[in-house]
């Protein structure tokens, strides 16, 4: 059984992890939307094989 101080620390740490996860999800969603927009623009600009070989943004940099 956890002491009261340990319970409070546990709750605090869970809160921090949830905030981090939420912030990271927002970042990933933003990157995904940029990627999808870039793909749509490339599909309009290039046709056929050119589309598959055109240089894309490295979203992991």
N, C-alpha and C. Protein backbone atom coordinates (compact mmCIF):
# COMPACT_ATOMS: atom_id res chain seq x y z
N UNK A 1 0.84 -1.18 0.00
CA UNK A 1 0.00 0.00 0.00
C UNK A 1 0.89 1.25 0.00
N UNK A 2 0.52 2.20 -0.82
CA UNK A 2 1.29 3.43 -0.95
C UNK A 2 0.89 4.42 0.15
N UNK A 3 1.90 5.16 0.60
CA UNK A 3 1.61 6.22 1.56
C UNK A 3 0.93 7.38 0.85
N UNK A 4 0.41 8.31 1.59
CA UNK A 4 -0.28 9.46 0.99
C UNK A 4 0.66 10.25 0.09
N UNK A 5 1.90 10.46 0.51
CA UNK A 5 2.87 11.17 -0.30
C UNK A 5 3.18 10.43 -1.59
N UNK A 6 3.29 9.12 -1.52
CA UNK A 6 3.56 8.32 -2.71
C UNK A 6 2.37 8.36 -3.67
N UNK A 7 1.15 8.36 -3.12
CA UNK A 7 -0.04 8.44 -3.96
C UNK A 7 -0.08 9.77 -4.71
N UNK A 8 0.23 10.86 -4.01
CA UNK A 8 0.25 12.17 -4.64
C UNK A 8 1.32 12.25 -5.73
N UNK A 9 2.50 11.70 -5.44
CA UNK A 9 3.58 11.66 -6.44
C UNK A 9 3.14 10.85 -7.65
N UNK A 10 2.52 9.72 -7.40
CA UNK A 10 2.04 8.85 -8.48
C UNK A 10 1.04 9.60 -9.36
N UNK A 11 0.07 10.30 -8.76
CA UNK A 11 -0.91 11.08 -9.50
C UNK A 11 -0.22 12.18 -10.31
N UNK A 12 0.75 12.84 -9.70
CA UNK A 12 1.47 13.92 -10.37
C UNK A 12 2.23 13.39 -11.59
N UNK A 13 2.91 12.27 -11.42
CA UNK A 13 3.67 11.69 -12.53
C UNK A 13 2.74 11.24 -13.66
N UNK A 14 1.61 10.67 -13.32
CA UNK A 14 0.64 10.28 -14.34
C UNK A 14 0.16 11.50 -15.11
N UNK A 15 -0.10 12.59 -14.39
CA UNK A 15 -0.53 13.83 -15.03
C UNK A 15 0.53 14.34 -16.00
N UNK A 16 1.79 14.32 -15.61
CA UNK A 16 2.89 14.78 -16.48
C UNK A 16 2.97 13.92 -17.74
N UNK A 17 2.88 12.61 -17.57
CA UNK A 17 2.96 11.69 -18.72
C UNK A 17 1.78 11.92 -19.66
N UNK A 18 0.60 12.13 -19.12
CA UNK A 18 -0.58 12.38 -19.96
C UNK A 18 -0.43 13.69 -20.73
N UNK A 19 0.09 14.72 -20.08
CA UNK A 19 0.31 15.99 -20.78
C UNK A 19 1.31 15.83 -21.90
N UNK A 20 2.40 15.11 -21.64
CA UNK A 20 3.42 14.87 -22.67
C UNK A 20 2.82 14.11 -23.84
N UNK A 21 2.06 13.05 -23.55
CA UNK A 21 1.45 12.26 -24.60
C UNK A 21 0.48 13.09 -25.44
N UNK A 22 -0.29 13.94 -24.79
CA UNK A 22 -1.23 14.79 -25.50
C UNK A 22 -0.50 15.78 -26.40
N UNK A 23 0.57 16.37 -25.88
CA UNK A 23 1.36 17.33 -26.68
C UNK A 23 1.99 16.61 -27.88
N UNK A 24 2.55 15.44 -27.66
CA UNK A 24 3.19 14.69 -28.74
C UNK A 24 2.17 14.29 -29.80
N UNK A 25 0.97 13.89 -29.39
CA UNK A 25 -0.08 13.56 -30.35
C UNK A 25 -0.42 14.75 -31.23
N UNK A 26 -0.45 15.95 -30.65
CA UNK A 26 -0.69 17.16 -31.41
C UNK A 26 0.39 17.40 -32.45
N UNK A 27 1.64 17.17 -32.06
CA UNK A 27 2.77 17.34 -32.98
C UNK A 27 2.66 16.35 -34.14
N UNK A 28 2.37 15.08 -33.81
CA UNK A 28 2.25 14.06 -34.85
C UNK A 28 1.08 14.36 -35.79
N UNK A 29 -0.03 14.83 -35.25
CA UNK A 29 -1.19 15.18 -36.09
C UNK A 29 -0.82 16.30 -37.06
N UNK A 30 -0.09 17.29 -36.58
CA UNK A 30 0.32 18.41 -37.42
C UNK A 30 1.24 17.92 -38.56
N UNK A 31 2.19 17.06 -38.23
CA UNK A 31 3.10 16.51 -39.24
C UNK A 31 2.31 15.71 -40.27
N UNK A 32 1.37 14.90 -39.82
CA UNK A 32 0.57 14.08 -40.72
C UNK A 32 -0.22 14.95 -41.69
N UNK A 33 -0.82 16.03 -41.16
CA UNK A 33 -1.60 16.93 -42.02
C UNK A 33 -0.71 17.60 -43.06
N UNK A 34 0.50 18.01 -42.66
CA UNK A 34 1.44 18.61 -43.62
C UNK A 34 1.82 17.59 -44.69
N UNK A 35 2.07 16.36 -44.27
CA UNK A 35 2.43 15.29 -45.21
C UNK A 35 1.30 15.05 -46.21
N UNK A 36 0.08 14.95 -45.72
CA UNK A 36 -1.06 14.73 -46.59
C UNK A 36 -1.25 15.88 -47.58
N UNK A 37 -1.06 17.10 -47.11
CA UNK A 37 -1.18 18.27 -48.00
C UNK A 37 -0.11 18.23 -49.07
N UNK A 38 1.12 17.90 -48.68
CA UNK A 38 2.21 17.83 -49.65
C UNK A 38 1.93 16.75 -50.69
N UNK A 39 1.45 15.60 -50.26
CA UNK A 39 1.14 14.52 -51.20
C UNK A 39 0.06 14.94 -52.19
N UNK A 40 -0.96 15.62 -51.71
CA UNK A 40 -2.03 16.08 -52.60
C UNK A 40 -1.49 17.07 -53.63
N UNK A 41 -0.62 17.97 -53.19
CA UNK A 41 -0.03 18.94 -54.12
C UNK A 41 0.87 18.25 -55.15
N UNK A 42 1.62 17.26 -54.71
CA UNK A 42 2.50 16.54 -55.64
C UNK A 42 1.70 15.75 -56.66
N UNK A 43 0.58 15.15 -56.22
CA UNK A 43 -0.27 14.40 -57.16
C UNK A 43 -0.84 15.30 -58.23
N UNK A 44 -1.13 16.56 -57.87
CA UNK A 44 -1.65 17.50 -58.87
C UNK A 44 -0.56 17.93 -59.84
N UNK A 45 0.65 18.10 -59.33
CA UNK A 45 1.75 18.64 -60.14
C UNK A 45 2.41 17.58 -61.02
N UNK A 46 2.57 16.38 -60.51
CA UNK A 46 3.29 15.32 -61.24
C UNK A 46 2.33 14.17 -61.55
N UNK A 47 2.58 13.55 -62.70
CA UNK A 47 1.74 12.42 -63.09
C UNK A 47 2.59 11.18 -63.28
N UNK A 48 1.97 10.04 -63.19
CA UNK A 48 2.64 8.76 -63.47
C UNK A 48 3.87 8.52 -62.63
N UNK A 49 4.94 8.07 -63.29
CA UNK A 49 6.17 7.70 -62.61
C UNK A 49 6.86 8.89 -61.94
N UNK A 50 6.70 10.09 -62.51
CA UNK A 50 7.33 11.27 -61.91
C UNK A 50 6.89 11.45 -60.46
N UNK A 51 5.62 11.20 -60.19
CA UNK A 51 5.08 11.37 -58.84
C UNK A 51 5.81 10.48 -57.83
N UNK A 52 6.11 9.26 -58.23
CA UNK A 52 6.75 8.31 -57.31
C UNK A 52 8.20 8.65 -57.02
N UNK A 53 8.85 9.38 -57.90
CA UNK A 53 10.27 9.66 -57.74
C UNK A 53 10.58 11.10 -57.30
N UNK A 54 9.57 11.93 -57.17
CA UNK A 54 9.81 13.32 -56.79
C UNK A 54 10.28 13.37 -55.31
N UNK A 55 11.19 14.29 -55.03
CA UNK A 55 11.72 14.42 -53.67
C UNK A 55 10.65 14.99 -52.75
N UNK A 56 10.56 14.40 -51.57
CA UNK A 56 9.58 14.83 -50.58
C UNK A 56 10.29 15.38 -49.34
N UNK A 57 9.53 16.06 -48.52
CA UNK A 57 10.05 16.59 -47.27
C UNK A 57 10.35 15.43 -46.31
N UNK A 58 11.48 15.51 -45.61
CA UNK A 58 11.79 14.52 -44.57
C UNK A 58 11.18 15.04 -43.26
N UNK A 59 10.01 14.54 -42.91
CA UNK A 59 9.27 15.03 -41.75
C UNK A 59 9.91 14.58 -40.44
N UNK A 60 10.92 13.72 -40.48
CA UNK A 60 11.55 13.23 -39.26
C UNK A 60 12.77 14.02 -38.86
N UNK A 61 13.09 15.07 -39.60
CA UNK A 61 14.26 15.88 -39.26
C UNK A 61 13.96 16.77 -38.09
